[in-house]
Amino acid sequence: MLGSLARRLRIIGYDAAYASDGDDDQLLAQAVSESRLLITRDRDLASRMGHDAVLLKVTDVEKQVEEVLARTGRPTGPPLSLCTTCNGMLQIVEKQAARPFVPETSIIVNDRFWRCLACGKVYWIGHHHRGISRIVSQHLHRGYL
């Protein structure tokens, strides 16, 4: 339900676990066991979590990010340091290590690559970079980063 929000929060450096499956009890147990703030649009779920929940009032992902940051303050990590897919840490890798996972045209035009330590996904500066840079710049300008 909030997958886009989780990806957006990860882009700006926020450690954001996301569970697309599981029932409410499992989500609550995960949040408690990992000492996480529960972010939800479900009023009943938020009330069960108590003060460690953020009940989002809006559906627009940009406004949701603002709600989360207003409640929590700055992200715990630097922008572009977490995998948008699994929340794992990104590490710089050599071009040759990235080669098997990257289109040849991207290998030719890029010298910097990052790989997720958890899931192995490889990142580079490509077509999405402008949009991602805009997201980071937006929050820098607002003083959140």
C-alpha atoms as a PDB file:
ATOM      1  CA  MET A   1       0.000   0.000   0.000  1.00  0.00           C
ATOM      2  CA  LEU A   2       2.880   2.420   0.718  1.00  0.00           C
ATOM      3  CA  GLY A   3       5.594   0.958  -1.529  1.00  0.00           C
ATOM      4  CA  SER A   4       6.151   4.220  -3.416  1.00  0.00           C
ATOM      5  CA  LEU A   5       6.582   6.045  -0.125  1.00  0.00           C
ATOM      6  CA  ALA A   6       9.113   3.461   1.090  1.00  0.00           C
ATOM      7  CA  ARG A   7      11.171   3.856  -2.122  1.00  0.00           C
ATOM      8  CA  ARG A   8      11.031   7.646  -1.863  1.00  0.00           C
ATOM      9  CA  LEU A   9      12.117   7.595   1.785  1.00  0.00           C
ATOM     10  CA  ARG A  10      15.024   5.279   0.934  1.00  0.00           C
ATOM     11  CA  ILE A  11      16.188   7.655  -1.815  1.00  0.00           C
ATOM     12  CA  ILE A  12      16.587  10.434   0.725  1.00  0.00           C
ATOM     13  CA  GLY A  13      18.369   8.188   3.242  1.00  0.00           C
ATOM     14  CA  TYR A  14      15.545   7.033   5.494  1.00  0.00           C
ATOM     15  CA  ASP A  15      15.812   3.442   6.748  1.00  0.00           C
ATOM     16  CA  ALA A  16      12.382   2.250   5.625  1.00  0.00           C
ATOM     17  CA  ALA A  17      11.351  -1.387   5.901  1.00  0.00           C
ATOM     18  CA  TYR A  18       8.347  -2.319   3.801  1.00  0.00           C
ATOM     19  CA  ALA A  19       6.135  -5.379   4.121  1.00  0.00           C
ATOM     20  CA  SER A  20       3.643  -5.901   1.324  1.00  0.00           C
ATOM     21  CA  ASP A  21       2.352  -9.124   2.787  1.00  0.00           C
ATOM     22  CA  GLY A  22       1.452 -10.237   6.256  1.00  0.00           C
ATOM     23  CA  ASP A  23      -1.412  -9.352   8.514  1.00  0.00           C
ATOM     24  CA  ASP A  24      -1.661  -6.500  10.988  1.00  0.00           C
ATOM     25  CA  ASP A  25      -0.312  -8.579  13.864  1.00  0.00           C
ATOM     26  CA  GLN A  26       2.805  -9.454  11.847  1.00  0.00           C
ATOM     27  CA  LEU A  27       3.359  -5.806  10.880  1.00  0.00           C
ATOM     28  CA  LEU A  28       3.046  -4.715  14.499  1.00  0.00           C
ATOM     29  CA  ALA A  29       5.402  -7.462  15.677  1.00  0.00           C
ATOM     30  CA  GLN A  30       7.986  -6.483  13.049  1.00  0.00           C
ATOM     31  CA  ALA A  31       7.777  -2.807  13.968  1.00  0.00           C
ATOM     32  CA  VAL A  32       8.218  -3.595  17.664  1.00  0.00           C
ATOM     33  CA  SER A  33      11.010  -6.159  17.212  1.00  0.00           C
ATOM     34  CA  GLU A  34      12.969  -3.808  14.908  1.00  0.00           C
ATOM     35  CA  SER A  35      12.204  -0.688  17.011  1.00  0.00           C
ATOM     36  CA  ARG A  36      10.583   0.981  14.021  1.00  0.00           C
ATOM     37  CA  LEU A  37       8.020   3.677  13.664  1.00  0.00           C
ATOM     38  CA  LEU A  38       4.951   2.258  11.919  1.00  0.00           C
ATOM     39  CA  ILE A  39       3.770   4.389   9.003  1.00  0.00           C
ATOM     40  CA  THR A  40       0.273   3.604   7.797  1.00  0.00           C
ATOM     41  CA  ARG A  41      -2.968   4.959   6.391  1.00  0.00           C
ATOM     42  CA  ASP A  42      -4.933   2.438   8.480  1.00  0.00           C
ATOM     43  CA  ARG A  43      -6.421   4.229  11.497  1.00  0.00           C
ATOM     44  CA  ASP A  44      -7.048   1.017  13.481  1.00  0.00           C
ATOM     45  CA  LEU A  45      -3.508  -0.259  12.885  1.00  0.00           C
ATOM     46  CA  ALA A  46      -2.030   3.094  13.922  1.00  0.00           C
ATOM     47  CA  SER A  47      -4.089   3.143  17.120  1.00  0.00           C
ATOM     48  CA  ARG A  48      -2.901  -0.374  18.011  1.00  0.00           C
ATOM     49  CA  MET A  49       0.722   0.759  17.631  1.00  0.00           C
ATOM     50  CA  GLY A  50       0.145   3.857  19.739  1.00  0.00           C
ATOM     51  CA  HIS A  51       2.670   6.701  19.847  1.00  0.00           C
ATOM     52  CA  ASP A  52       5.109   4.736  17.634  1.00  0.00           C
ATOM     53  CA  ALA A  53       2.869   5.168  14.590  1.00  0.00           C
ATOM     54  CA  VAL A  54       2.411   7.838  11.964  1.00  0.00           C
ATOM     55  CA  LEU A  55      -1.089   7.908  10.526  1.00  0.00           C
ATOM     56  CA  LEU A  56      -0.813   9.449   7.083  1.00  0.00           C
ATOM     57  CA  LYS A  57      -3.641  11.757   6.138  1.00  0.00           C
ATOM     58  CA  VAL A  58      -2.822  12.243   2.448  1.00  0.00           C
ATOM     59  CA  THR A  59      -2.471   9.969  -0.567  1.00  0.00           C
ATOM     60  CA  ASP A  60       0.044  12.008  -2.574  1.00  0.00           C
ATOM     61  CA  VAL A  61       3.501  10.460  -2.071  1.00  0.00           C
ATOM     62  CA  GLU A  62       5.299  13.834  -1.922  1.00  0.00           C
ATOM     63  CA  LYS A  63       2.985  15.023   0.827  1.00  0.00           C
ATOM     64  CA  GLN A  64       3.372  11.677   2.612  1.00  0.00           C
ATOM     65  CA  VAL A  65       7.155  12.157   2.657  1.00  0.00           C
ATOM     66  CA  GLU A  66       6.622  15.611   4.163  1.00  0.00           C
ATOM     67  CA  GLU A  67       4.337  14.147   6.845  1.00  0.00           C
ATOM     68  CA  VAL A  68       6.899  11.501   7.769  1.00  0.00           C
ATOM     69  CA  LEU A  69       9.791  13.957   7.873  1.00  0.00           C
ATOM     70  CA  ALA A  70       7.779  16.469   9.883  1.00  0.00           C
ATOM     71  CA  ARG A  71       7.184  13.748  12.481  1.00  0.00           C
ATOM     72  CA  THR A  72      10.616  12.105  12.480  1.00  0.00           C
ATOM     73  CA  GLY A  73      13.081  14.790  11.479  1.00  0.00           C
ATOM     74  CA  ARG A  74      16.080  14.105   9.304  1.00  0.00           C
ATOM     75  CA  PRO A  75      16.739  10.704   7.768  1.00  0.00           C
ATOM     76  CA  THR A  76      19.344   8.564   9.515  1.00  0.00           C
ATOM     77  CA  GLY A  77      21.571   8.155   6.458  1.00  0.00           C
ATOM     78  CA  PRO A  78      22.791  10.205   3.526  1.00  0.00           C
ATOM     79  CA  PRO A  79      20.720  10.413   0.337  1.00  0.00           C
ATOM     80  CA  LEU A  80      21.270   7.654  -2.225  1.00  0.00           C
ATOM     81  CA  SER A  81      22.853   5.267   0.295  1.00  0.00           C
ATOM     82  CA  LEU A  82      20.056   2.670   0.434  1.00  0.00           C
ATOM     83  CA  CYS A  83      18.650   0.239  -2.098  1.00  0.00           C
ATOM     84  CA  THR A  84      15.230   1.412  -3.236  1.00  0.00           C
ATOM     85  CA  THR A  85      14.155  -2.213  -3.670  1.00  0.00           C
ATOM     86  CA  CYS A  86      15.147  -3.853  -0.375  1.00  0.00           C
ATOM     87  CA  ASN A  87      16.530  -1.107   1.907  1.00  0.00           C
ATOM     88  CA  GLY A  88      20.028  -2.656   1.910  1.00  0.00           C
ATOM     89  CA  MET A  89      23.177  -0.548   2.060  1.00  0.00           C
ATOM     90  CA  LEU A  90      24.759   0.502  -1.247  1.00  0.00           C
ATOM     91  CA  GLN A  91      28.477   0.135  -1.843  1.00  0.00           C
ATOM     92  CA  ILE A  92      30.561   1.545  -4.694  1.00  0.00           C
ATOM     93  CA  VAL A  93      31.751  -1.195  -7.067  1.00  0.00           C
ATOM     94  CA  GLU A  94      34.235  -1.231  -9.900  1.00  0.00           C
ATOM     95  CA  LYS A  95      32.975  -1.078 -13.459  1.00  0.00           C
ATOM     96  CA  GLN A  96      34.099  -4.647 -14.150  1.00  0.00           C
ATOM     97  CA  ALA A  97      32.135  -5.966 -11.161  1.00  0.00           C
ATOM     98  CA  ALA A  98      29.027  -4.167 -12.418  1.00  0.00           C
ATOM     99  CA  ARG A  99      29.414  -5.289 -16.061  1.00  0.00           C
ATOM    100  CA  PRO A 100      27.337  -8.519 -15.815  1.00  0.00           C
ATOM    101  CA  PHE A 101      24.369  -6.604 -14.359  1.00  0.00           C
ATOM    102  CA  VAL A 102      24.367  -3.436 -16.471  1.00  0.00           C
ATOM    103  CA  PRO A 103      23.469  -2.779 -20.126  1.00  0.00           C
ATOM    104  CA  GLU A 104      26.592  -2.350 -22.263  1.00  0.00           C
ATOM    105  CA  THR A 105      25.662   1.232 -23.199  1.00  0.00           C
ATOM    106  CA  SER A 106      25.552   2.150 -19.505  1.00  0.00           C
ATOM    107  CA  ILE A 107      28.954   0.528 -18.953  1.00  0.00           C
ATOM    108  CA  ILE A 108      30.361   2.640 -21.777  1.00  0.00           C
ATOM    109  CA  VAL A 109      29.019   6.001 -20.565  1.00  0.00           C
ATOM    110  CA  ASN A 110      29.360   5.553 -16.780  1.00  0.00           C
ATOM    111  CA  ASP A 111      32.309   5.152 -14.463  1.00  0.00           C
ATOM    112  CA  ARG A 112      30.457   4.959 -11.139  1.00  0.00           C
ATOM    113  CA  PHE A 113      28.333   2.048 -10.017  1.00  0.00           C
ATOM    114  CA  TRP A 114      26.802   1.000  -6.714  1.00  0.00           C
ATOM    115  CA  ARG A 115      25.651  -2.447  -5.639  1.00  0.00           C
ATOM    116  CA  CYS A 116      23.262  -3.375  -2.855  1.00  0.00           C
ATOM    117  CA  LEU A 117      24.961  -5.484  -0.220  1.00  0.00           C
ATOM    118  CA  ALA A 118      21.675  -7.288   0.531  1.00  0.00           C
ATOM    119  CA  CYS A 119      19.994  -8.063  -2.803  1.00  0.00           C
ATOM    120  CA  GLY A 120      22.808  -7.389  -5.296  1.00  0.00           C
ATOM    121  CA  LYS A 121      20.932  -4.840  -7.406  1.00  0.00           C
ATOM    122  CA  VAL A 122      23.316  -2.542  -9.290  1.00  0.00           C
ATOM    123  CA  TYR A 123      22.712   1.192  -9.686  1.00  0.00           C
ATOM    124  CA  TRP A 124      24.296   3.780 -11.996  1.00  0.00           C
ATOM    125  CA  ILE A 125      23.534   7.273 -13.214  1.00  0.00           C
ATOM    126  CA  GLY A 126      20.994   6.730 -15.964  1.00  0.00           C
ATOM    127  CA  HIS A 127      17.684   8.074 -17.236  1.00  0.00           C
ATOM    128  CA  HIS A 128      16.130   8.184 -13.755  1.00  0.00           C
ATOM    129  CA  HIS A 129      18.931  10.308 -12.327  1.00  0.00           C
ATOM    130  CA  ARG A 130      17.238  13.650 -13.037  1.00  0.00           C
ATOM    131  CA  GLY A 131      14.081  12.626 -11.202  1.00  0.00           C
ATOM    132  CA  ILE A 132      16.009  11.175  -8.286  1.00  0.00           C
ATOM    133  CA  SER A 133      18.206  14.273  -8.071  1.00  0.00           C
ATOM    134  CA  ARG A 134      15.070  16.414  -8.043  1.00  0.00           C
ATOM    135  CA  ILE A 135      13.701  14.440  -5.085  1.00  0.00           C
ATOM    136  CA  VAL A 136      16.928  14.861  -3.119  1.00  0.00           C
ATOM    137  CA  SER A 137      17.235  18.573  -4.028  1.00  0.00           C
ATOM    138  CA  GLN A 138      13.639  19.201  -2.994  1.00  0.00           C
ATOM    139  CA  HIS A 139      14.260  17.908   0.508  1.00  0.00           C
ATOM    140  CA  LEU A 140      17.659  19.596   0.799  1.00  0.00           C
ATOM    141  CA  HIS A 141      15.992  22.894  -0.058  1.00  0.00           C
ATOM    142  CA  ARG A 142      13.331  22.319   2.610  1.00  0.00           C
ATOM    143  CA  GLY A 143      16.048  21.658   5.171  1.00  0.00           C
ATOM    144  CA  TYR A 144      15.191  18.004   5.783  1.00  0.00           C
ATOM    145  CA  LEU A 145      18.550  16.650   4.596  1.00  0.00           C
END
